[in-house]
Amino acid sequence: MKPAKPAQRTKPVKAEKSVKAPKPVKAQKPAKAPKPEKKHAIYTMSFAKVYPLYIQKVERKGREKKELDEVIRWLTGYTQRALEKQIAQDANFETFFAEAPELHPNAVKITGTICGVRIAEIEDPLMLKVRYLDKLVDELAKGRPMEKILRQ
């Protein structure tokens, strides 16, 4: 048997400096689309379900359904037949006012507060129309003369 050769000492091999690959550029997240504004609950509420409540309110105060209809027709421009059709179709407030022939030009004369909010401070056009209607129903229920309610 031959004697084992002594292990040769070798210098450790230095690893070559590797060229680092550039860090991948992170893809930017696409800008989030703005969330659609949540509609106010009253916009999707059925006009046909609120209408009987309007009737009850005015009749409790001694007024009649035909007076309520007159006020609604004055504000929206609907005919009696078209108003009844909207009720039969179970239209929500958004649809009810969107399909209204024309808001009465004197509607801008409706002032005051409704539900603690000044009508003049309401910016949303649809909310303004809803509040006009609420104000007219309130005035009718309080016994105000029709000439004043209809801003004649």
C-alpha atoms as a PDB file:
ATOM      1  CA  MET A   1       0.000   0.000   0.000  1.00  0.00           C
ATOM      2  CA  LYS A   2       1.206   3.375  -0.892  1.00  0.00           C
ATOM      3  CA  PRO A   3       1.124   6.097   1.622  1.00  0.00           C
ATOM      4  CA  ALA A   4      -1.556   8.672   1.055  1.00  0.00           C
ATOM      5  CA  LYS A   5      -0.430  11.876  -0.469  1.00  0.00           C
ATOM      6  CA  PRO A   6      -0.790  14.819   1.728  1.00  0.00           C
ATOM      7  CA  ALA A   7      -3.644  17.012   0.652  1.00  0.00           C
ATOM      8  CA  GLN A   8      -2.477  19.942  -1.329  1.00  0.00           C
ATOM      9  CA  ARG A   9      -3.410  23.275  -0.130  1.00  0.00           C
ATOM     10  CA  THR A  10      -5.167  25.302  -2.673  1.00  0.00           C
ATOM     11  CA  LYS A  11      -6.308  28.851  -2.555  1.00  0.00           C
ATOM     12  CA  PRO A  12      -9.973  29.216  -2.297  1.00  0.00           C
ATOM     13  CA  VAL A  13     -11.475  30.209  -5.591  1.00  0.00           C
ATOM     14  CA  LYS A  14     -13.157  33.569  -5.426  1.00  0.00           C
ATOM     15  CA  ALA A  15     -16.487  33.650  -6.993  1.00  0.00           C
ATOM     16  CA  GLU A  16     -16.669  36.046  -9.824  1.00  0.00           C
ATOM     17  CA  LYS A  17     -18.704  39.060  -9.142  1.00  0.00           C
ATOM     18  CA  SER A  18     -21.821  38.487 -10.958  1.00  0.00           C
ATOM     19  CA  VAL A  19     -23.567  41.354 -12.579  1.00  0.00           C
ATOM     20  CA  LYS A  20     -26.840  41.744 -10.817  1.00  0.00           C
ATOM     21  CA  ALA A  21     -29.786  41.874 -13.048  1.00  0.00           C
ATOM     22  CA  PRO A  22     -31.762  45.053 -12.578  1.00  0.00           C
ATOM     23  CA  LYS A  23     -34.726  44.645 -10.341  1.00  0.00           C
ATOM     24  CA  PRO A  24     -37.830  44.219 -12.354  1.00  0.00           C
ATOM     25  CA  VAL A  25     -39.918  47.321 -12.331  1.00  0.00           C
ATOM     26  CA  LYS A  26     -43.066  46.663 -10.437  1.00  0.00           C
ATOM     27  CA  ALA A  27     -46.056  47.162 -12.564  1.00  0.00           C
ATOM     28  CA  GLN A  28     -47.998  50.075 -11.283  1.00  0.00           C
ATOM     29  CA  LYS A  29     -51.436  49.248 -10.140  1.00  0.00           C
ATOM     30  CA  PRO A  30     -53.970  50.742 -12.441  1.00  0.00           C
ATOM     31  CA  ALA A  31     -55.659  53.725 -10.923  1.00  0.00           C
ATOM     32  CA  LYS A  32     -58.794  52.671  -9.166  1.00  0.00           C
ATOM     33  CA  ALA A  33     -61.887  53.804 -10.899  1.00  0.00           C
ATOM     34  CA  PRO A  34     -63.815  56.121  -8.659  1.00  0.00           C
ATOM     35  CA  LYS A  35     -66.535  54.285  -6.870  1.00  0.00           C
ATOM     36  CA  PRO A  36     -69.903  55.229  -8.201  1.00  0.00           C
ATOM     37  CA  GLU A  37     -71.655  57.409  -5.723  1.00  0.00           C
ATOM     38  CA  LYS A  38     -74.137  55.504  -3.706  1.00  0.00           C
ATOM     39  CA  LYS A  39     -77.626  56.628  -4.550  1.00  0.00           C
ATOM     40  CA  HIS A  40     -79.706  58.034  -1.789  1.00  0.00           C
ATOM     41  CA  ALA A  41     -82.266  55.481  -0.620  1.00  0.00           C
ATOM     42  CA  ILE A  42     -85.193  57.676  -1.589  1.00  0.00           C
ATOM     43  CA  TYR A  43     -84.193  57.587  -5.271  1.00  0.00           C
ATOM     44  CA  THR A  44     -84.830  53.857  -5.454  1.00  0.00           C
ATOM     45  CA  MET A  45     -87.921  53.995  -3.263  1.00  0.00           C
ATOM     46  CA  SER A  46     -91.147  53.246  -5.056  1.00  0.00           C
ATOM     47  CA  PHE A  47     -93.285  56.324  -5.656  1.00  0.00           C
ATOM     48  CA  ALA A  48     -96.306  54.015  -5.735  1.00  0.00           C
ATOM     49  CA  LYS A  49     -95.594  52.933  -2.150  1.00  0.00           C
ATOM     50  CA  VAL A  50     -95.147  56.497  -0.875  1.00  0.00           C
ATOM     51  CA  TYR A  51     -98.177  57.889  -2.710  1.00  0.00           C
ATOM     52  CA  PRO A  52    -100.738  56.215  -0.375  1.00  0.00           C
ATOM     53  CA  LEU A  53     -98.845  57.720   2.567  1.00  0.00           C
ATOM     54  CA  TYR A  54     -99.188  61.152   0.986  1.00  0.00           C
ATOM     55  CA  ILE A  55    -102.915  60.513   0.596  1.00  0.00           C
ATOM     56  CA  GLN A  56    -103.247  59.486   4.248  1.00  0.00           C
ATOM     57  CA  LYS A  57    -101.337  62.547   5.368  1.00  0.00           C
ATOM     58  CA  VAL A  58    -103.512  65.039   3.504  1.00  0.00           C
ATOM     59  CA  GLU A  59    -106.795  63.255   4.255  1.00  0.00           C
ATOM     60  CA  ARG A  60    -106.028  63.242   7.997  1.00  0.00           C
ATOM     61  CA  LYS A  61    -105.873  67.015   7.741  1.00  0.00           C
ATOM     62  CA  GLY A  62    -109.154  67.322   5.856  1.00  0.00           C
ATOM     63  CA  ARG A  63    -107.799  67.599   2.307  1.00  0.00           C
ATOM     64  CA  GLU A  64    -108.664  65.349  -0.620  1.00  0.00           C
ATOM     65  CA  LYS A  65    -106.799  63.004  -2.927  1.00  0.00           C
ATOM     66  CA  LYS A  66    -107.767  65.114  -5.938  1.00  0.00           C
ATOM     67  CA  GLU A  67    -106.005  68.108  -4.346  1.00  0.00           C
ATOM     68  CA  LEU A  68    -102.889  66.004  -3.828  1.00  0.00           C
ATOM     69  CA  ASP A  69    -103.020  64.887  -7.456  1.00  0.00           C
ATOM     70  CA  GLU A  70    -103.409  68.493  -8.564  1.00  0.00           C
ATOM     71  CA  VAL A  71    -100.313  69.500  -6.610  1.00  0.00           C
ATOM     72  CA  ILE A  72     -98.281  66.602  -8.045  1.00  0.00           C
ATOM     73  CA  ARG A  73     -99.460  67.354 -11.581  1.00  0.00           C
ATOM     74  CA  TRP A  74     -98.629  71.047 -11.136  1.00  0.00           C
ATOM     75  CA  LEU A  75     -95.077  70.255 -10.040  1.00  0.00           C
ATOM     76  CA  THR A  76     -94.274  67.523 -12.567  1.00  0.00           C
ATOM     77  CA  GLY A  77     -96.377  68.315 -15.618  1.00  0.00           C
ATOM     78  CA  TYR A  78     -97.986  64.866 -15.633  1.00  0.00           C
ATOM     79  CA  THR A  79    -101.563  64.460 -16.765  1.00  0.00           C
ATOM     80  CA  GLN A  80    -103.872  62.533 -14.424  1.00  0.00           C
ATOM     81  CA  ARG A  81    -103.645  59.494 -16.704  1.00  0.00           C
ATOM     82  CA  ALA A  82     -99.831  59.666 -16.842  1.00  0.00           C
ATOM     83  CA  LEU A  83     -99.653  60.061 -13.066  1.00  0.00           C
ATOM     84  CA  GLU A  84    -101.813  56.976 -12.582  1.00  0.00           C
ATOM     85  CA  LYS A  85     -99.641  55.093 -15.088  1.00  0.00           C
ATOM     86  CA  GLN A  86     -96.490  55.939 -13.086  1.00  0.00           C
ATOM     87  CA  ILE A  87     -98.178  54.634  -9.947  1.00  0.00           C
ATOM     88  CA  ALA A  88     -99.342  51.464 -11.718  1.00  0.00           C
ATOM     89  CA  GLN A  89     -95.827  50.836 -13.076  1.00  0.00           C
ATOM     90  CA  ASP A  90     -94.429  51.077  -9.551  1.00  0.00           C
ATOM     91  CA  ALA A  91     -91.873  53.654 -10.700  1.00  0.00           C
ATOM     92  CA  ASN A  92     -89.209  54.723  -8.244  1.00  0.00           C
ATOM     93  CA  PHE A  93     -88.641  58.412  -7.500  1.00  0.00           C
ATOM     94  CA  GLU A  94     -85.700  58.623  -9.896  1.00  0.00           C
ATOM     95  CA  THR A  95     -87.785  57.293 -12.779  1.00  0.00           C
ATOM     96  CA  PHE A  96     -90.844  59.260 -11.710  1.00  0.00           C
ATOM     97  CA  PHE A  97     -88.999  62.579 -11.975  1.00  0.00           C
ATOM     98  CA  ALA A  98     -86.879  61.555 -14.985  1.00  0.00           C
ATOM     99  CA  GLU A  99     -90.024  60.819 -16.992  1.00  0.00           C
ATOM    100  CA  ALA A 100     -91.904  63.880 -15.746  1.00  0.00           C
ATOM    101  CA  PRO A 101     -92.824  66.059 -18.712  1.00  0.00           C
ATOM    102  CA  GLU A 102     -91.574  69.302 -17.181  1.00  0.00           C
ATOM    103  CA  LEU A 103     -90.953  70.731 -13.754  1.00  0.00           C
ATOM    104  CA  HIS A 104     -93.173  73.759 -13.264  1.00  0.00           C
ATOM    105  CA  PRO A 105     -91.226  77.031 -13.780  1.00  0.00           C
ATOM    106  CA  ASN A 106     -92.591  78.395 -10.488  1.00  0.00           C
ATOM    107  CA  ALA A 107     -91.148  75.449  -8.562  1.00  0.00           C
ATOM    108  CA  VAL A 108     -88.108  77.620  -7.828  1.00  0.00           C
ATOM    109  CA  LYS A 109     -90.411  79.725  -5.661  1.00  0.00           C
ATOM    110  CA  ILE A 110     -90.770  76.825  -3.232  1.00  0.00           C
ATOM    111  CA  THR A 111     -88.659  77.830  -0.252  1.00  0.00           C
ATOM    112  CA  GLY A 112     -88.258  77.035   3.400  1.00  0.00           C
ATOM    113  CA  THR A 113     -87.078  73.899   5.123  1.00  0.00           C
ATOM    114  CA  ILE A 114     -88.093  70.297   4.781  1.00  0.00           C
ATOM    115  CA  CYS A 115     -86.751  67.575   7.056  1.00  0.00           C
ATOM    116  CA  GLY A 116     -84.523  70.192   8.663  1.00  0.00           C
ATOM    117  CA  VAL A 117     -82.799  71.087   5.391  1.00  0.00           C
ATOM    118  CA  ARG A 118     -83.124  74.438   3.649  1.00  0.00           C
ATOM    119  CA  ILE A 119     -84.446  73.867   0.160  1.00  0.00           C
ATOM    120  CA  ALA A 120     -82.193  76.619  -1.218  1.00  0.00           C
ATOM    121  CA  GLU A 121     -79.110  74.687  -0.033  1.00  0.00           C
ATOM    122  CA  ILE A 122     -79.914  71.420  -1.825  1.00  0.00           C
ATOM    123  CA  GLU A 123     -77.484  70.928  -4.721  1.00  0.00           C
ATOM    124  CA  ASP A 124     -78.555  67.551  -6.117  1.00  0.00           C
ATOM    125  CA  PRO A 125     -81.244  68.259  -8.740  1.00  0.00           C
ATOM    126  CA  LEU A 126     -83.136  65.026  -8.103  1.00  0.00           C
ATOM    127  CA  MET A 127     -83.122  65.517  -4.334  1.00  0.00           C
ATOM    128  CA  LEU A 128     -84.346  69.061  -4.907  1.00  0.00           C
ATOM    129  CA  LYS A 129     -87.358  67.777  -6.873  1.00  0.00           C
ATOM    130  CA  VAL A 130     -88.152  65.199  -4.191  1.00  0.00           C
ATOM    131  CA  ARG A 131     -87.986  67.898  -1.516  1.00  0.00           C
ATOM    132  CA  TYR A 132     -90.176  70.228  -3.576  1.00  0.00           C
ATOM    133  CA  LEU A 133     -92.812  67.503  -3.631  1.00  0.00           C
ATOM    134  CA  ASP A 134     -92.450  66.888   0.121  1.00  0.00           C
ATOM    135  CA  LYS A 135     -92.822  70.598   0.819  1.00  0.00           C
ATOM    136  CA  LEU A 136     -95.957  70.871  -1.336  1.00  0.00           C
ATOM    137  CA  VAL A 137     -97.538  67.857   0.385  1.00  0.00           C
ATOM    138  CA  ASP A 138     -96.720  69.385   3.786  1.00  0.00           C
ATOM    139  CA  GLU A 139     -98.276  72.714   2.791  1.00  0.00           C
ATOM    140  CA  LEU A 140    -101.379  70.928   1.534  1.00  0.00           C
ATOM    141  CA  ALA A 141    -101.666  68.961   4.773  1.00  0.00           C
ATOM    142  CA  LYS A 142    -101.266  72.136   6.834  1.00  0.00           C
ATOM    143  CA  GLY A 143    -104.302  73.639   5.142  1.00  0.00           C
ATOM    144  CA  ARG A 144    -102.566  76.259   3.041  1.00  0.00           C
ATOM    145  CA  PRO A 145    -104.777  77.617   0.225  1.00  0.00           C
ATOM    146  CA  MET A 146    -104.203  75.989  -3.184  1.00  0.00           C
ATOM    147  CA  GLU A 147    -103.393  79.357  -4.815  1.00  0.00           C
ATOM    148  CA  LYS A 148    -100.431  79.786  -2.460  1.00  0.00           C
ATOM    149  CA  ILE A 149     -99.318  76.148  -2.736  1.00  0.00           C
ATOM    150  CA  LEU A 150     -99.306  76.413  -6.526  1.00  0.00           C
ATOM    151  CA  ARG A 151     -97.412  79.724  -6.374  1.00  0.00           C
ATOM    152  CA  GLN A 152     -99.980  81.594  -8.451  1.00  0.00           C
END
